C-alpha atoms as a PDB file:
ATOM      1  CA  MET A   1      58.658 -17.010  -1.349  1.00  0.00           C
ATOM      2  CA  GLY A   2      61.575 -14.661  -1.718  1.00  0.00           C
ATOM      3  CA  GLY A   3      63.693 -13.885  -4.709  1.00  0.00           C
ATOM      4  CA  ARG A   4      63.217 -11.972  -7.897  1.00  0.00           C
ATOM      5  CA  PRO A   5      59.730 -12.188  -9.500  1.00  0.00           C
ATOM      6  CA  SER A   6      59.509 -14.314 -12.623  1.00  0.00           C
ATOM      7  CA  PRO A   7      59.795 -12.326 -15.859  1.00  0.00           C
ATOM      8  CA  PRO A   8      56.916 -12.235 -18.332  1.00  0.00           C
ATOM      9  CA  THR A   9      56.888 -15.436 -20.370  1.00  0.00           C
ATOM     10  CA  ARG A  10      55.969 -15.943 -24.021  1.00  0.00           C
ATOM     11  CA  SER A  11      52.492 -17.158 -23.077  1.00  0.00           C
ATOM     12  CA  TRP A  12      52.050 -14.087 -20.865  1.00  0.00           C
ATOM     13  CA  ARG A  13      52.969 -11.777 -23.755  1.00  0.00           C
ATOM     14  CA  ARG A  14      50.610 -13.704 -26.028  1.00  0.00           C
ATOM     15  CA  ARG A  15      47.842 -13.186 -23.474  1.00  0.00           C
ATOM     16  CA  LEU A  16      48.706  -9.466 -23.450  1.00  0.00           C
ATOM     17  CA  ARG A  17      48.336  -9.274 -27.232  1.00  0.00           C
ATOM     18  CA  CYS A  18      44.870 -10.780 -26.921  1.00  0.00           C
ATOM     19  CA  ALA A  19      43.788  -8.367 -24.181  1.00  0.00           C
ATOM     20  CA  ASP A  20      45.370  -5.005 -24.932  1.00  0.00           C
ATOM     21  CA  GLY A  21      43.162  -4.173 -27.923  1.00  0.00           C
ATOM     22  CA  HIS A  22      39.839  -5.458 -26.601  1.00  0.00           C
ATOM     23  CA  HIS A  23      37.221  -4.420 -24.103  1.00  0.00           C
ATOM     24  CA  PRO A  24      36.917  -6.426 -20.897  1.00  0.00           C
ATOM     25  CA  PRO A  25      33.566  -7.990 -21.959  1.00  0.00           C
ATOM     26  CA  ASP A  26      35.402  -9.577 -24.895  1.00  0.00           C
ATOM     27  CA  GLN A  27      37.685 -11.251 -22.370  1.00  0.00           C
ATOM     28  CA  ALA A  28      34.889 -12.571 -20.123  1.00  0.00           C
ATOM     29  CA  ARG A  29      35.028  -9.531 -17.814  1.00  0.00           C
ATOM     30  CA  PRO A  30      31.467  -8.082 -17.992  1.00  0.00           C
ATOM     31  CA  ALA A  31      31.756  -6.055 -14.771  1.00  0.00           C
ATOM     32  CA  PHE A  32      33.461  -3.071 -16.434  1.00  0.00           C
ATOM     33  CA  THR A  33      33.819  -1.574 -19.902  1.00  0.00           C
ATOM     34  CA  ARG A  34      37.535  -0.741 -19.992  1.00  0.00           C
ATOM     35  CA  TRP A  35      40.776  -1.949 -18.512  1.00  0.00           C
ATOM     36  CA  SER A  36      42.706  -0.064 -15.916  1.00  0.00           C
ATOM     37  CA  ILE A  37      46.401  -0.795 -15.438  1.00  0.00           C
ATOM     38  CA  ARG A  38      45.654  -2.507 -12.125  1.00  0.00           C
ATOM     39  CA  LYS A  39      42.830  -4.680 -13.541  1.00  0.00           C
ATOM     40  CA  LEU A  40      44.806  -5.583 -16.643  1.00  0.00           C
ATOM     41  CA  GLY A  41      47.813  -6.538 -14.543  1.00  0.00           C
ATOM     42  CA  ALA A  42      45.672  -8.760 -12.304  1.00  0.00           C
ATOM     43  CA  TYR A  43      44.137 -10.431 -15.352  1.00  0.00           C
ATOM     44  CA  LEU A  44      47.499 -11.100 -16.986  1.00  0.00           C
ATOM     45  CA  ARG A  45      49.145 -12.524 -13.873  1.00  0.00           C
ATOM     46  CA  LYS A  46      47.164 -15.768 -13.976  1.00  0.00           C
ATOM     47  CA  VAL A  47      48.815 -17.728 -16.773  1.00  0.00           C
ATOM     48  CA  HIS A  48      48.438 -21.484 -16.398  1.00  0.00           C
ATOM     49  CA  GLY A  49      48.271 -21.075 -12.644  1.00  0.00           C
ATOM     50  CA  ARG A  50      51.682 -19.414 -12.528  1.00  0.00           C
ATOM     51  CA  ILE A  51      51.904 -16.035 -10.795  1.00  0.00           C
ATOM     52  CA  ILE A  52      53.931 -13.425 -12.668  1.00  0.00           C
ATOM     53  CA  ARG A  53      54.158 -10.077 -10.938  1.00  0.00           C
ATOM     54  CA  ILE A  54      54.724  -6.889 -12.909  1.00  0.00           C
ATOM     55  CA  GLY A  55      54.438  -3.317 -11.666  1.00  0.00           C
ATOM     56  CA  ARG A  56      51.891  -0.888 -13.068  1.00  0.00           C
ATOM     57  CA  GLU A  57      54.568   1.402 -14.502  1.00  0.00           C
ATOM     58  CA  ALA A  58      56.346  -1.516 -16.164  1.00  0.00           C
ATOM     59  CA  LEU A  59      53.044  -2.678 -17.659  1.00  0.00           C
ATOM     60  CA  ARG A  60      52.284   0.834 -18.914  1.00  0.00           C
ATOM     61  CA  CYS A  61      55.725   1.032 -20.553  1.00  0.00           C
ATOM     62  CA  LEU A  62      55.194  -2.378 -22.117  1.00  0.00           C
ATOM     63  CA  LEU A  63      51.867  -1.235 -23.587  1.00  0.00           C
ATOM     64  CA  ALA A  64      53.463   1.982 -24.822  1.00  0.00           C
ATOM     65  CA  ARG A  65      56.148  -0.004 -26.640  1.00  0.00           C
ATOM     66  CA  ARG A  66      53.339  -1.883 -28.363  1.00  0.00           C
ATOM     67  CA  GLY A  67      51.728   1.427 -29.384  1.00  0.00           C
ATOM     68  CA  ILE A  68      48.834   1.130 -26.901  1.00  0.00           C
ATOM     69  CA  THR A  69      47.991   4.312 -24.972  1.00  0.00           C
ATOM     70  CA  PHE A  70      45.001   5.473 -22.923  1.00  0.00           C
ATOM     71  CA  GLN A  71      42.772   7.532 -25.238  1.00  0.00           C
ATOM     72  CA  HIS A  72      39.290   8.998 -25.431  1.00  0.00           C
ATOM     73  CA  THR A  73      36.754   7.121 -27.512  1.00  0.00           C
ATOM     74  CA  LYS A  74      35.867   8.857 -30.765  1.00  0.00           C
ATOM     75  CA  THR A  75      32.678   8.588 -32.786  1.00  0.00           C
ATOM     76  CA  TRP A  76      32.095   8.825 -36.498  1.00  0.00           C
ATOM     77  CA  LYS A  77      29.078   8.768 -38.752  1.00  0.00           C
ATOM     78  CA  GLU A  78      28.994   7.477 -42.301  1.00  0.00           C
ATOM     79  CA  SER A  79      27.249   9.732 -44.803  1.00  0.00           C
ATOM     80  CA  PRO A  80      24.016   8.207 -46.219  1.00  0.00           C
ATOM     81  CA  ASP A  81      24.035  10.714 -49.089  1.00  0.00           C
ATOM     82  CA  PRO A  82      23.584   8.794 -52.387  1.00  0.00           C
ATOM     83  CA  ASP A  83      25.719  11.439 -54.156  1.00  0.00           C
ATOM     84  CA  ARG A  84      28.451  11.387 -51.518  1.00  0.00           C
ATOM     85  CA  ASP A  85      31.319  10.369 -53.785  1.00  0.00           C
ATOM     86  CA  THR A  86      30.260  12.740 -56.558  1.00  0.00           C
ATOM     87  CA  LYS A  87      30.135  15.708 -54.170  1.00  0.00           C
ATOM     88  CA  LEU A  88      33.450  14.852 -52.526  1.00  0.00           C
ATOM     89  CA  ASP A  89      35.109  14.384 -55.898  1.00  0.00           C
ATOM     90  CA  ARG A  90      33.875  17.796 -57.060  1.00  0.00           C
ATOM     91  CA  ILE A  91      35.127  19.516 -53.907  1.00  0.00           C
ATOM     92  CA  GLU A  92      38.500  17.829 -54.214  1.00  0.00           C
ATOM     93  CA  HIS A  93      38.713  18.747 -57.896  1.00  0.00           C
ATOM     94  CA  VAL A  94      38.094  22.485 -57.425  1.00  0.00           C
ATOM     95  CA  LEU A  95      40.457  22.645 -54.433  1.00  0.00           C
ATOM     96  CA  GLU A  96      43.266  21.147 -56.502  1.00  0.00           C
ATOM     97  CA  ARG A  97      42.620  22.878 -59.825  1.00  0.00           C
ATOM     98  CA  PHE A  98      41.326  26.331 -58.833  1.00  0.00           C
ATOM     99  CA  PRO A  99      42.499  27.106 -55.259  1.00  0.00           C
ATOM    100  CA  ASP A 100      42.582  30.866 -55.932  1.00  0.00           C
ATOM    101  CA  ARG A 101      38.920  30.830 -56.969  1.00  0.00           C
ATOM    102  CA  VAL A 102      37.536  28.608 -54.204  1.00  0.00           C
ATOM    103  CA  PHE A 103      35.661  30.002 -51.197  1.00  0.00           C
ATOM    104  CA  ALA A 104      33.955  28.351 -48.236  1.00  0.00           C
ATOM    105  CA  PHE A 105      30.890  29.416 -46.275  1.00  0.00           C
ATOM    106  CA  ASP A 106      29.201  28.195 -43.096  1.00  0.00           C
ATOM    107  CA  GLU A 107      27.455  29.389 -39.944  1.00  0.00           C
ATOM    108  CA  PHE A 108      29.184  29.271 -36.571  1.00  0.00           C
ATOM    109  CA  GLY A 109      27.091  29.232 -33.424  1.00  0.00           C
ATOM    110  CA  PRO A 110      24.855  29.659 -31.595  1.00  0.00           C
ATOM    111  CA  LEU A 111      26.760  32.388 -29.759  1.00  0.00           C
ATOM    112  CA  GLY A 112      25.208  33.250 -26.427  1.00  0.00           C
ATOM    113  CA  ILE A 113      26.049  35.863 -23.807  1.00  0.00           C
ATOM    114  CA  ARG A 114      27.153  34.015 -20.717  1.00  0.00           C
ATOM    115  CA  PRO A 115      30.453  33.289 -18.921  1.00  0.00           C
ATOM    116  CA  THR A 116      32.328  30.598 -20.789  1.00  0.00           C
ATOM    117  CA  GLY A 117      35.091  28.466 -19.375  1.00  0.00           C
ATOM    118  CA  GLY A 118      38.421  28.086 -21.081  1.00  0.00           C
ATOM    119  CA  SER A 119      42.116  28.181 -20.269  1.00  0.00           C
ATOM    120  CA  SER A 120      44.605  30.948 -19.643  1.00  0.00           C
ATOM    121  CA  TRP A 121      47.938  31.697 -17.984  1.00  0.00           C
ATOM    122  CA  ALA A 122      47.570  32.374 -14.271  1.00  0.00           C
ATOM    123  CA  PRO A 123      49.575  32.032 -11.044  1.00  0.00           C
ATOM    124  CA  ALA A 124      49.838  28.445  -9.847  1.00  0.00           C
ATOM    125  CA  GLY A 125      46.836  27.492  -7.744  1.00  0.00           C
ATOM    126  CA  HIS A 126      44.929  30.665  -8.617  1.00  0.00           C
ATOM    127  CA  PRO A 127      43.050  30.075 -11.901  1.00  0.00           C
ATOM    128  CA  GLU A 128      40.968  32.803 -13.445  1.00  0.00           C
ATOM    129  CA  ARG A 129      37.357  32.467 -12.296  1.00  0.00           C
ATOM    130  CA  HIS A 130      34.072  33.403 -13.962  1.00  0.00           C
ATOM    131  CA  PRO A 131      30.533  33.343 -12.555  1.00  0.00           C
ATOM    132  CA  ALA A 132      28.504  30.309 -13.581  1.00  0.00           C
ATOM    133  CA  THR A 133      25.187  30.678 -15.383  1.00  0.00           C
ATOM    134  CA  TYR A 134      23.287  28.708 -17.999  1.00  0.00           C
ATOM    135  CA  HIS A 135      20.804  31.415 -19.016  1.00  0.00           C
ATOM    136  CA  ARG A 136      21.019  33.217 -22.341  1.00  0.00           C
ATOM    137  CA  THR A 137      19.162  36.398 -21.486  1.00  0.00           C
ATOM    138  CA  HIS A 138      20.435  38.216 -24.575  1.00  0.00           C
ATOM    139  CA  GLY A 139      19.397  35.587 -27.096  1.00  0.00           C
ATOM    140  CA  VAL A 140      21.820  34.024 -29.556  1.00  0.00           C
ATOM    141  CA  ARG A 141      23.643  35.060 -32.706  1.00  0.00           C
ATOM    142  CA  TYR A 142      25.146  33.122 -35.607  1.00  0.00           C
ATOM    143  CA  PHE A 143      28.415  34.094 -37.233  1.00  0.00           C
ATOM    144  CA  HIS A 144      28.066  33.749 -40.994  1.00  0.00           C
ATOM    145  CA  GLY A 145      31.680  33.132 -41.988  1.00  0.00           C
ATOM    146  CA  CYS A 146      33.319  33.254 -45.401  1.00  0.00           C
ATOM    147  CA  CYS A 147      36.803  32.024 -46.218  1.00  0.00           C
ATOM    148  CA  SER A 148      38.984  32.609 -49.266  1.00  0.00           C
ATOM    149  CA  ILE A 149      41.039  29.455 -49.769  1.00  0.00           C
ATOM    150  CA  GLY A 150      43.576  31.063 -52.087  1.00  0.00           C
ATOM    151  CA  ASP A 151      44.836  33.825 -49.783  1.00  0.00           C
ATOM    152  CA  ASP A 152      43.706  32.345 -46.422  1.00  0.00           C
ATOM    153  CA  THR A 153      41.376  35.232 -45.571  1.00  0.00           C
ATOM    154  CA  LEU A 154      38.429  34.891 -43.189  1.00  0.00           C
ATOM    155  CA  TRP A 155      35.559  37.355 -42.747  1.00  0.00           C
ATOM    156  CA  GLY A 156      31.898  37.363 -41.760  1.00  0.00           C
ATOM    157  CA  VAL A 157      29.059  39.023 -39.882  1.00  0.00           C
ATOM    158  CA  ASP A 158      26.801  38.161 -36.938  1.00  0.00           C
ATOM    159  CA  ARG A 159      23.111  37.480 -37.626  1.00  0.00           C
ATOM    160  CA  ARG A 160      20.172  36.787 -35.358  1.00  0.00           C
ATOM    161  CA  LYS A 161      19.260  33.607 -37.230  1.00  0.00           C
ATOM    162  CA  LYS A 162      20.083  31.456 -40.206  1.00  0.00           C
ATOM    163  CA  GLY A 163      18.110  31.976 -43.373  1.00  0.00           C
ATOM    164  CA  ALA A 164      18.167  32.209 -47.144  1.00  0.00           C
ATOM    165  CA  ALA A 165      18.405  36.017 -47.070  1.00  0.00           C
ATOM    166  CA  ASN A 166      21.486  35.937 -44.846  1.00  0.00           C
ATOM    167  CA  THR A 167      23.048  33.190 -46.978  1.00  0.00           C
ATOM    168  CA  LEU A 168      22.499  35.260 -50.111  1.00  0.00           C
ATOM    169  CA  ALA A 169      24.102  38.290 -48.451  1.00  0.00           C
ATOM    170  CA  ALA A 170      27.179  36.178 -47.619  1.00  0.00           C
ATOM    171  CA  LEU A 171      27.383  34.890 -51.197  1.00  0.00           C
ATOM    172  CA  ARG A 172      27.198  38.466 -52.463  1.00  0.00           C
ATOM    173  CA  SER A 173      30.189  39.378 -50.284  1.00  0.00           C
ATOM    174  CA  ILE A 174      32.070  36.395 -51.689  1.00  0.00           C
ATOM    175  CA  ARG A 175      31.279  37.436 -55.237  1.00  0.00           C
ATOM    176  CA  ALA A 176      32.478  40.964 -54.416  1.00  0.00           C
ATOM    177  CA  ALA A 177      35.822  39.492 -53.325  1.00  0.00           C
ATOM    178  CA  ARG A 178      36.427  38.553 -57.001  1.00  0.00           C
ATOM    179  CA  PRO A 179      35.072  41.570 -58.926  1.00  0.00           C
ATOM    180  CA  ASP A 180      36.758  40.441 -62.158  1.00  0.00           C
ATOM    181  CA  GLY A 181      33.739  38.277 -62.978  1.00  0.00           C
ATOM    182  CA  ALA A 182      35.727  35.024 -63.182  1.00  0.00           C
ATOM    183  CA  PRO A 183      33.812  31.884 -62.230  1.00  0.00           C
ATOM    184  CA  ILE A 184      34.179  31.017 -58.556  1.00  0.00           C
ATOM    185  CA  TYR A 185      33.325  27.989 -56.430  1.00  0.00           C
ATOM    186  CA  VAL A 186      31.755  28.084 -52.963  1.00  0.00           C
ATOM    187  CA  ILE A 187      31.870  25.046 -50.663  1.00  0.00           C
ATOM    188  CA  LEU A 188      28.961  24.963 -48.191  1.00  0.00           C
ATOM    189  CA  ASP A 189      26.749  22.546 -46.290  1.00  0.00           C
ATOM    190  CA  SER A 190      23.541  21.051 -47.659  1.00  0.00           C
ATOM    191  CA  LEU A 191      21.354  23.166 -45.363  1.00  0.00           C
ATOM    192  CA  SER A 192      17.941  24.090 -46.748  1.00  0.00           C
ATOM    193  CA  ALA A 193      18.776  27.785 -46.251  1.00  0.00           C
ATOM    194  CA  HIS A 194      21.767  27.332 -48.593  1.00  0.00           C
ATOM    195  CA  LYS A 195      20.069  25.887 -51.666  1.00  0.00           C
ATOM    196  CA  GLY A 196      16.798  27.704 -52.230  1.00  0.00           C
ATOM    197  CA  GLU A 197      15.610  28.532 -55.726  1.00  0.00           C
ATOM    198  CA  THR A 198      16.431  32.225 -55.287  1.00  0.00           C
ATOM    199  CA  ILE A 199      20.004  31.421 -54.287  1.00  0.00           C
ATOM    200  CA  ARG A 200      20.493  28.972 -57.148  1.00  0.00           C
ATOM    201  CA  ARG A 201      19.131  31.435 -59.677  1.00  0.00           C
ATOM    202  CA  TRP A 202      21.362  34.239 -58.405  1.00  0.00           C
ATOM    203  CA  ALA A 203      24.403  31.960 -58.367  1.00  0.00           C
ATOM    204  CA  GLY A 204      23.800  30.939 -61.967  1.00  0.00           C
ATOM    205  CA  LYS A 205      23.577  34.532 -63.137  1.00  0.00           C
ATOM    206  CA  ASN A 206      26.791  35.521 -61.331  1.00  0.00           C
ATOM    207  CA  ARG A 207      28.996  32.597 -62.407  1.00  0.00           C
ATOM    208  CA  LEU A 208      29.113  31.134 -58.901  1.00  0.00           C
ATOM    209  CA  GLU A 209      29.022  27.354 -58.487  1.00  0.00           C
ATOM    210  CA  LEU A 210      27.695  25.915 -55.228  1.00  0.00           C
ATOM    211  CA  CYS A 211      29.654  22.832 -54.151  1.00  0.00           C
ATOM    212  CA  PHE A 212      27.604  21.149 -51.425  1.00  0.00           C
ATOM    213  CA  THR A 213      29.143  18.790 -48.893  1.00  0.00           C
ATOM    214  CA  PRO A 214      27.433  15.402 -48.415  1.00  0.00           C
ATOM    215  CA  THR A 215      25.120  14.766 -45.503  1.00  0.00           C
ATOM    216  CA  TYR A 216      27.042  14.234 -42.242  1.00  0.00           C
ATOM    217  CA  ALA A 217      30.273  15.272 -43.996  1.00  0.00           C
ATOM    218  CA  SER A 218      30.772  18.854 -42.902  1.00  0.00           C
ATOM    219  CA  TRP A 219      34.444  17.944 -42.367  1.00  0.00           C
ATOM    220  CA  ALA A 220      34.823  18.373 -46.147  1.00  0.00           C
ATOM    221  CA  ASN A 221      34.170  22.107 -45.784  1.00  0.00           C
ATOM    222  CA  PRO A 222      37.571  23.844 -45.343  1.00  0.00           C
ATOM    223  CA  ILE A 223      36.094  26.640 -43.191  1.00  0.00           C
ATOM    224  CA  GLU A 224      35.334  24.158 -40.412  1.00  0.00           C
ATOM    225  CA  ALA A 225      39.044  24.086 -39.530  1.00  0.00           C
ATOM    226  CA  HIS A 226      38.918  27.827 -38.748  1.00  0.00           C
ATOM    227  CA  PHE A 227      35.965  27.685 -36.354  1.00  0.00           C
ATOM    228  CA  GLY A 228      37.952  25.851 -33.671  1.00  0.00           C
ATOM    229  CA  PRO A 229      40.515  28.664 -33.218  1.00  0.00           C
ATOM    230  CA  LEU A 230      37.699  31.190 -33.531  1.00  0.00           C
ATOM    231  CA  ARG A 231      35.946  29.601 -30.572  1.00  0.00           C
ATOM    232  CA  GLN A 232      39.132  29.249 -28.535  1.00  0.00           C
ATOM    233  CA  PHE A 233      40.300  32.855 -28.942  1.00  0.00           C
ATOM    234  CA  THR A 234      36.993  34.749 -28.855  1.00  0.00           C
ATOM    235  CA  VAL A 235      34.422  32.638 -26.956  1.00  0.00           C
ATOM    236  CA  ALA A 236      36.351  30.391 -24.564  1.00  0.00           C
ATOM    237  CA  ASN A 237      37.480  32.043 -21.316  1.00  0.00           C
ATOM    238  CA  SER A 238      35.246  35.068 -21.953  1.00  0.00           C
ATOM    239  CA  ASN A 239      32.543  36.966 -20.085  1.00  0.00           C
ATOM    240  CA  HIS A 240      31.155  39.451 -22.623  1.00  0.00           C
ATOM    241  CA  CYS A 241      28.441  41.781 -21.373  1.00  0.00           C
ATOM    242  CA  ASN A 242      26.423  41.856 -24.623  1.00  0.00           C
ATOM    243  CA  HIS A 243      26.522  40.823 -28.265  1.00  0.00           C
ATOM    244  CA  THR A 244      28.047  44.135 -29.365  1.00  0.00           C
ATOM    245  CA  VAL A 245      31.132  43.567 -27.231  1.00  0.00           C
ATOM    246  CA  GLN A 246      31.322  39.940 -28.336  1.00  0.00           C
ATOM    247  CA  THR A 247      31.119  40.934 -32.003  1.00  0.00           C
ATOM    248  CA  ARG A 248      33.863  43.538 -31.569  1.00  0.00           C
ATOM    249  CA  ALA A 249      36.139  40.932 -30.015  1.00  0.00           C
ATOM    250  CA  LEU A 250      35.381  38.489 -32.820  1.00  0.00           C
ATOM    251  CA  HIS A 251      36.172  41.006 -35.564  1.00  0.00           C
ATOM    252  CA  ALA A 252      39.314  42.163 -33.758  1.00  0.00           C
ATOM    253  CA  TYR A 253      40.523  38.567 -33.862  1.00  0.00           C
ATOM    254  CA  LEU A 254      39.679  38.311 -37.572  1.00  0.00           C
ATOM    255  CA  ARG A 255      41.612  41.485 -38.363  1.00  0.00           C
ATOM    256  CA  ARG A 256      44.679  40.216 -36.532  1.00  0.00           C
ATOM    257  CA  ARG A 257      44.388  36.779 -38.099  1.00  0.00           C
ATOM    258  CA  ASN A 258      44.094  38.108 -41.645  1.00  0.00           C
ATOM    259  CA  LYS A 259      46.968  40.500 -41.094  1.00  0.00           C
ATOM    260  CA  ASN A 260      49.147  37.524 -40.135  1.00  0.00           C
ATOM    261  CA  ALA A 261      47.855  35.157 -42.807  1.00  0.00           C
ATOM    262  CA  ARG A 262      50.184  32.455 -44.055  1.00  0.00           C
ATOM    263  CA  HIS A 263      52.356  33.078 -47.092  1.00  0.00           C
ATOM    264  CA  PRO A 264      50.863  31.855 -50.420  1.00  0.00           C
ATOM    265  CA  ASP A 265      53.890  29.635 -51.002  1.00  0.00           C
ATOM    266  CA  VAL A 266      53.245  27.910 -47.657  1.00  0.00           C
ATOM    267  CA  LEU A 267      49.587  27.370 -48.518  1.00  0.00           C
ATOM    268  CA  ASP A 268      50.516  25.945 -51.906  1.00  0.00           C
ATOM    269  CA  ALA A 269      53.033  23.588 -50.315  1.00  0.00           C
ATOM    270  CA  GLN A 270      50.417  22.410 -47.817  1.00  0.00           C
ATOM    271  CA  ARG A 271      47.939  21.701 -50.624  1.00  0.00           C
ATOM    272  CA  ARG A 272      50.534  19.674 -52.529  1.00  0.00           C
ATOM    273  CA  GLU A 273      51.395  17.698 -49.399  1.00  0.00           C
ATOM    274  CA  ARG A 274      47.721  16.907 -48.697  1.00  0.00           C
ATOM    275  CA  ALA A 275      47.287  15.765 -52.304  1.00  0.00           C
ATOM    276  CA  ARG A 276      50.356  13.532 -52.022  1.00  0.00           C
ATOM    277  CA  ILE A 277      49.133  11.951 -48.784  1.00  0.00           C
ATOM    278  CA  ARG A 278      45.672  11.290 -50.230  1.00  0.00           C
ATOM    279  CA  SER A 279      47.165   9.660 -53.324  1.00  0.00           C
ATOM    280  CA  GLU A 280      49.511   7.444 -51.286  1.00  0.00           C
ATOM    281  CA  LYS A 281      47.008   6.286 -48.712  1.00  0.00           C
ATOM    282  CA  GLY A 282      44.085   5.986 -51.111  1.00  0.00           C
ATOM    283  CA  ILE A 283      41.733   7.662 -48.664  1.00  0.00           C
ATOM    284  CA  ARG A 284      39.871  10.944 -48.772  1.00  0.00           C
ATOM    285  CA  TRP A 285      41.034  13.351 -46.019  1.00  0.00           C
ATOM    286  CA  GLY A 286      40.575  10.879 -43.140  1.00  0.00           C
ATOM    287  CA  GLY A 287      36.942  11.828 -42.673  1.00  0.00           C
ATOM    288  CA  ARG A 288      36.061   8.274 -41.796  1.00  0.00           C
ATOM    289  CA  PRO A 289      38.046   5.345 -40.390  1.00  0.00           C
ATOM    290  CA  ALA A 290      39.726   2.969 -42.802  1.00  0.00           C
ATOM    291  CA  LYS A 291      37.851  -0.220 -43.520  1.00  0.00           C
ATOM    292  CA  VAL A 292      39.317  -3.312 -41.932  1.00  0.00           C
ATOM    293  CA  ALA A 293      39.880  -6.170 -44.349  1.00  0.00           C
END
């Protein structure tokens, strides 16, 4: 039959609302786990036996107007820590009240010596190429990183392994960053190498409070946000010959980053904005999805 195809009807749009936010098995389509534009269009055409044709681009635009886009699935894990709220409240309190005396510590790694893929600018059709290998013949290293929240400074050192001795050395460097003896706060993960009796005793004597993140809540550690750029600019798209060269590249990046640190007024404005957003939304940092009523 010729003529213009029938436009989407109200029942067709109602059927779209039922399908666009669900997996195919929820709509009696067990053969696949997600919709494609073609499959969704074929499913929506059959409304009370009436054929309504709509192009794939028109259907994609219609979904976009409804706020539905094609995205990767994300995972999340709820913290089973019984002291989760207490720990998060303490971290939030020191970040808001004493930002110039708050530091963060964590290990970044393992760092191996092997060609690592990444992205870079290159002539069209001629990407930069690296040899492929999965062997770590030089062993691994761990970057023990420290971050000063107040002045946005990042520093650290490479170690062969994690351990209480290396953690204590990092805490000593943090304490040296505030030689005035004022009490300071260090946010770090609840790793066993971070909370030994020797470390706790030393921290108590040197007016250093350890603020541990809850289990499965490393997102509450502010230094985690710096490890992504550190990986992108020093590890990704690299082919270091040994750990010495890799360490030099890492520290060269840190020197440049600290030299171009953000202005204190900008950091203070960002902290105020985060506090305002948390108070308005009634959530804590977006570390977990909002509960559906």
